Structures are given as structure tokens and as C-alpha cells.
Amino acid sequence: MDKKYTDRYDKPIKIGDTVELVDIPLDLFLLRTEPEQNILRAEIGNTHFIQGINQHGKVRLEFYDKNHMPHTIIIDPSCVRRIFG
């Protein structure tokens, strides 16, 4: 049986859904430089496709910063809001 995952508002989410990043957990900021922290903060409010969901139920989002550098974050689904899916 497939595990069901939900966003911050208990809407079901799956790989390929479009979500808005609404929060970033504090643990993502630990051991990161200030520029890296700023890149993460800048993504709040942006939309992303869910690229994957790992065995712990965390969602993988990929994005490019203003310098076109790729980034990947793996976060709890409570940090996103489903837009389309």
C-alpha cells in the first residue's frame, strides 16, 4: 500500500505536484553560510515541483538561485502548500 503524504493544510501531495514553499525549518540553516541562508530565505513564497519523496516522507525541491546555480532542499511536507496536483 502506498503511503499518503499531505502538505501543511492536509492536502494530499505527490511527486510532480506544484507546491509553494511556505516555511524553512531551522535545521536547514545550521552549518550554512550567510549567503546560503539568504538563498534559502529567498525561496519562501516561490513555487516548485516536488521532485521526490524519500523514505522518511520528506519532499525534495530543486531550484536555481539568482545566479543560476542549482540547489536541492529536502524538507518536511508541512513546509509546503500544494498549488496544483
N, C-alpha and C. Protein backbone atom coordinates (compact mmCIF):
# COMPACT_ATOMS: atom_id res chain seq x y z
N MET A 1 0.85 -1.18 0.00
CA MET A 1 0.00 0.00 0.00
C MET A 1 0.89 1.24 0.00
N ASP A 2 0.56 2.19 -0.88
CA ASP A 2 1.34 3.42 -0.98
C ASP A 2 1.05 4.34 0.20
N LYS A 3 2.10 4.94 0.72
CA LYS A 3 1.97 5.90 1.82
C LYS A 3 1.41 7.20 1.26
N LYS A 4 0.50 7.81 2.00
CA LYS A 4 -0.09 9.09 1.59
C LYS A 4 0.60 10.21 2.35
N TYR A 5 0.96 11.27 1.65
CA TYR A 5 1.62 12.42 2.25
C TYR A 5 0.73 13.64 2.07
N THR A 6 0.80 14.55 3.03
CA THR A 6 -0.02 15.77 2.97
C THR A 6 0.84 16.99 3.22
N ASP A 7 0.37 18.13 2.72
CA ASP A 7 1.06 19.39 2.91
C ASP A 7 0.69 20.01 4.25
N ARG A 8 1.05 21.25 4.44
CA ARG A 8 0.77 21.97 5.69
C ARG A 8 -0.72 22.01 6.01
N TYR A 9 -1.56 21.99 5.00
CA TYR A 9 -3.01 22.12 5.20
C TYR A 9 -3.74 20.80 4.97
N ASP A 10 -3.02 19.69 5.09
CA ASP A 10 -3.56 18.34 4.95
C ASP A 10 -4.11 18.03 3.56
N LYS A 11 -3.66 18.76 2.56
CA LYS A 11 -3.98 18.41 1.17
C LYS A 11 -2.99 17.34 0.72
N PRO A 12 -3.46 16.31 0.04
CA PRO A 12 -2.54 15.26 -0.40
C PRO A 12 -1.52 15.81 -1.40
N ILE A 13 -0.29 15.31 -1.30
CA ILE A 13 0.77 15.70 -2.24
C ILE A 13 1.44 14.46 -2.77
N LYS A 14 2.03 14.62 -3.96
CA LYS A 14 2.75 13.52 -4.59
C LYS A 14 3.83 14.10 -5.49
N ILE A 15 4.71 13.25 -5.95
CA ILE A 15 5.77 13.67 -6.86
C ILE A 15 5.13 14.30 -8.10
N GLY A 16 5.67 15.45 -8.51
CA GLY A 16 5.16 16.16 -9.68
C GLY A 16 4.21 17.29 -9.34
N ASP A 17 3.67 17.31 -8.12
CA ASP A 17 2.76 18.40 -7.74
C ASP A 17 3.52 19.72 -7.66
N THR A 18 2.81 20.80 -7.93
CA THR A 18 3.36 22.14 -7.75
C THR A 18 3.00 22.60 -6.35
N VAL A 19 4.03 23.03 -5.61
CA VAL A 19 3.82 23.48 -4.24
C VAL A 19 4.47 24.84 -4.04
N GLU A 20 3.96 25.57 -3.06
CA GLU A 20 4.58 26.82 -2.63
C GLU A 20 5.39 26.52 -1.37
N LEU A 21 6.61 26.99 -1.33
CA LEU A 21 7.43 26.84 -0.13
C LEU A 21 6.96 27.91 0.86
N VAL A 22 6.40 27.49 2.00
CA VAL A 22 5.83 28.44 2.96
C VAL A 22 6.68 28.59 4.22
N ASP A 23 7.62 27.69 4.43
CA ASP A 23 8.45 27.75 5.63
C ASP A 23 9.72 26.96 5.37
N ILE A 24 10.77 27.33 6.07
CA ILE A 24 12.01 26.57 6.02
C ILE A 24 12.40 26.23 7.45
N PRO A 25 12.58 24.95 7.75
CA PRO A 25 12.92 24.57 9.11
C PRO A 25 14.30 25.09 9.53
N LEU A 26 14.42 25.40 10.78
CA LEU A 26 15.65 25.96 11.32
C LEU A 26 16.85 25.05 11.07
N ASP A 27 16.65 23.75 11.09
CA ASP A 27 17.79 22.84 10.91
C ASP A 27 18.45 22.98 9.54
N LEU A 28 17.73 23.50 8.54
CA LEU A 28 18.36 23.72 7.24
C LEU A 28 19.36 24.86 7.27
N PHE A 29 19.23 25.75 8.26
CA PHE A 29 20.15 26.88 8.36
C PHE A 29 21.42 26.53 9.12
N LEU A 30 21.38 25.48 9.91
CA LEU A 30 22.55 25.11 10.69
C LEU A 30 23.70 24.74 9.77
N LEU A 31 24.86 25.20 10.12
CA LEU A 31 26.10 24.91 9.37
C LEU A 31 26.10 25.45 7.94
N ARG A 32 25.26 26.43 7.67
CA ARG A 32 25.26 27.06 6.35
C ARG A 32 25.80 28.49 6.48
N THR A 33 26.43 28.95 5.44
CA THR A 33 26.95 30.32 5.44
C THR A 33 25.79 31.30 5.30
N GLU A 34 26.07 32.55 5.60
CA GLU A 34 25.02 33.58 5.47
C GLU A 34 24.51 33.69 4.03
N PRO A 35 25.38 33.66 3.01
CA PRO A 35 24.85 33.70 1.64
C PRO A 35 23.93 32.50 1.33
N GLU A 36 24.30 31.32 1.82
CA GLU A 36 23.44 30.14 1.61
C GLU A 36 22.10 30.31 2.33
N GLN A 37 22.14 30.87 3.52
CA GLN A 37 20.90 31.12 4.26
C GLN A 37 20.00 32.10 3.51
N ASN A 38 20.62 33.12 2.91
CA ASN A 38 19.85 34.11 2.15
C ASN A 38 19.20 33.48 0.92
N ILE A 39 19.90 32.55 0.28
CA ILE A 39 19.33 31.85 -0.87
C ILE A 39 18.09 31.07 -0.44
N LEU A 40 18.17 30.39 0.70
CA LEU A 40 17.01 29.65 1.21
C LEU A 40 15.85 30.59 1.54
N ARG A 41 16.15 31.68 2.24
CA ARG A 41 15.08 32.64 2.60
C ARG A 41 14.38 33.19 1.36
N ALA A 42 15.15 33.42 0.30
CA ALA A 42 14.59 33.99 -0.93
C ALA A 42 13.59 33.05 -1.60
N GLU A 43 13.64 31.77 -1.29
CA GLU A 43 12.74 30.80 -1.91
C GLU A 43 11.37 30.74 -1.25
N ILE A 44 11.23 31.28 -0.05
CA ILE A 44 9.93 31.28 0.62
C ILE A 44 8.94 32.06 -0.23
N GLY A 45 7.81 31.46 -0.52
CA GLY A 45 6.80 32.07 -1.36
C GLY A 45 6.89 31.66 -2.82
N ASN A 46 7.99 31.03 -3.22
CA ASN A 46 8.14 30.57 -4.60
C ASN A 46 7.51 29.20 -4.78
N THR A 47 7.17 28.90 -6.01
CA THR A 47 6.57 27.60 -6.31
C THR A 47 7.61 26.67 -6.92
N HIS A 48 7.41 25.38 -6.66
CA HIS A 48 8.33 24.35 -7.11
C HIS A 48 7.55 23.08 -7.41
N PHE A 49 8.14 22.22 -8.23
CA PHE A 49 7.60 20.87 -8.43
C PHE A 49 8.23 19.96 -7.39
N ILE A 50 7.44 19.06 -6.84
CA ILE A 50 8.01 18.05 -5.95
C ILE A 50 8.77 17.06 -6.83
N GLN A 51 10.07 16.98 -6.63
CA GLN A 51 10.93 16.11 -7.43
C GLN A 51 10.98 14.69 -6.88
N GLY A 52 10.72 14.56 -5.59
CA GLY A 52 10.77 13.25 -4.97
C GLY A 52 10.27 13.30 -3.54
N ILE A 53 9.97 12.14 -3.01
CA ILE A 53 9.60 11.99 -1.60
C ILE A 53 10.40 10.81 -1.09
N ASN A 54 11.20 11.05 -0.04
CA ASN A 54 12.08 9.98 0.44
C ASN A 54 11.36 9.04 1.41
N GLN A 55 12.09 8.05 1.89
CA GLN A 55 11.51 7.02 2.75
C GLN A 55 11.04 7.57 4.10
N HIS A 56 11.47 8.79 4.45
CA HIS A 56 11.05 9.41 5.70
C HIS A 56 9.88 10.38 5.48
N GLY A 57 9.40 10.47 4.25
CA GLY A 57 8.28 11.35 3.93
C GLY A 57 8.66 12.78 3.64
N LYS A 58 9.95 13.07 3.53
CA LYS A 58 10.42 14.43 3.21
C LYS A 58 10.34 14.65 1.71
N VAL A 59 10.01 15.87 1.32
CA VAL A 59 9.90 16.20 -0.11
C VAL A 59 11.20 16.84 -0.59
N ARG A 60 11.54 16.54 -1.84
CA ARG A 60 12.73 17.11 -2.47
C ARG A 60 12.30 18.18 -3.47
N LEU A 61 12.82 19.39 -3.27
CA LEU A 61 12.56 20.50 -4.17
C LEU A 61 13.89 20.94 -4.77
N GLU A 62 13.87 21.26 -6.04
CA GLU A 62 15.07 21.74 -6.73
C GLU A 62 14.77 23.11 -7.30
N PHE A 63 15.77 23.99 -7.24
CA PHE A 63 15.57 25.34 -7.76
C PHE A 63 16.92 25.94 -8.14
N TYR A 64 16.87 27.07 -8.85
CA TYR A 64 18.06 27.81 -9.23
C TYR A 64 18.01 29.16 -8.54
N ASP A 65 19.17 29.60 -8.03
CA ASP A 65 19.22 30.92 -7.40
C ASP A 65 19.36 32.00 -8.46
N LYS A 66 19.48 33.25 -8.01
CA LYS A 66 19.55 34.37 -8.96
C LYS A 66 20.79 34.32 -9.86
N ASN A 67 21.80 33.54 -9.46
CA ASN A 67 23.00 33.37 -10.28
C ASN A 67 22.95 32.10 -11.12
N HIS A 68 21.77 31.50 -11.20
CA HIS A 68 21.52 30.30 -12.00
C HIS A 68 22.26 29.07 -11.49
N MET A 69 22.56 29.06 -10.19
CA MET A 69 23.20 27.90 -9.57
C MET A 69 22.12 26.97 -9.04
N PRO A 70 22.24 25.66 -9.30
CA PRO A 70 21.21 24.73 -8.84
C PRO A 70 21.32 24.44 -7.34
N HIS A 71 20.16 24.22 -6.72
CA HIS A 71 20.08 23.87 -5.30
C HIS A 71 19.00 22.82 -5.13
N THR A 72 19.17 21.99 -4.13
CA THR A 72 18.19 20.99 -3.76
C THR A 72 17.97 21.08 -2.26
N ILE A 73 16.71 21.08 -1.84
CA ILE A 73 16.42 21.01 -0.42
C ILE A 73 15.47 19.84 -0.18
N ILE A 74 15.64 19.21 0.96
CA ILE A 74 14.78 18.11 1.36
C ILE A 74 14.15 18.53 2.67
N ILE A 75 12.82 18.69 2.66
CA ILE A 75 12.13 19.25 3.82
C ILE A 75 10.87 18.48 4.15
N ASP A 76 10.38 18.73 5.33
CA ASP A 76 9.13 18.14 5.77
C ASP A 76 7.98 18.70 4.92
N PRO A 77 6.98 17.88 4.58
CA PRO A 77 5.87 18.38 3.76
C PRO A 77 5.04 19.46 4.44
N SER A 78 5.21 19.62 5.75
CA SER A 78 4.48 20.70 6.45
C SER A 78 5.04 22.07 6.08
N CYS A 79 6.13 22.11 5.34
CA CYS A 79 6.73 23.38 4.91
C CYS A 79 6.25 23.81 3.53
N VAL A 80 5.36 23.05 2.93
CA VAL A 80 4.86 23.40 1.61
C VAL A 80 3.32 23.42 1.59
N ARG A 81 2.81 24.17 0.61
CA ARG A 81 1.36 24.21 0.36
C ARG A 81 1.13 23.80 -1.08
N ARG A 82 0.29 22.79 -1.28
CA ARG A 82 0.01 22.33 -2.65
C ARG A 82 -0.74 23.42 -3.43
N ILE A 83 -0.27 23.69 -4.62
CA ILE A 83 -0.92 24.64 -5.52
C ILE A 83 -1.68 23.88 -6.59
N PHE A 84 -0.98 22.99 -7.31
CA PHE A 84 -1.57 22.15 -8.35
C PHE A 84 -1.11 20.73 -8.14
N GLY A 85 -1.99 19.81 -8.44
CA GLY A 85 -1.56 18.41 -8.33
C GLY A 85 -2.66 17.47 -8.68
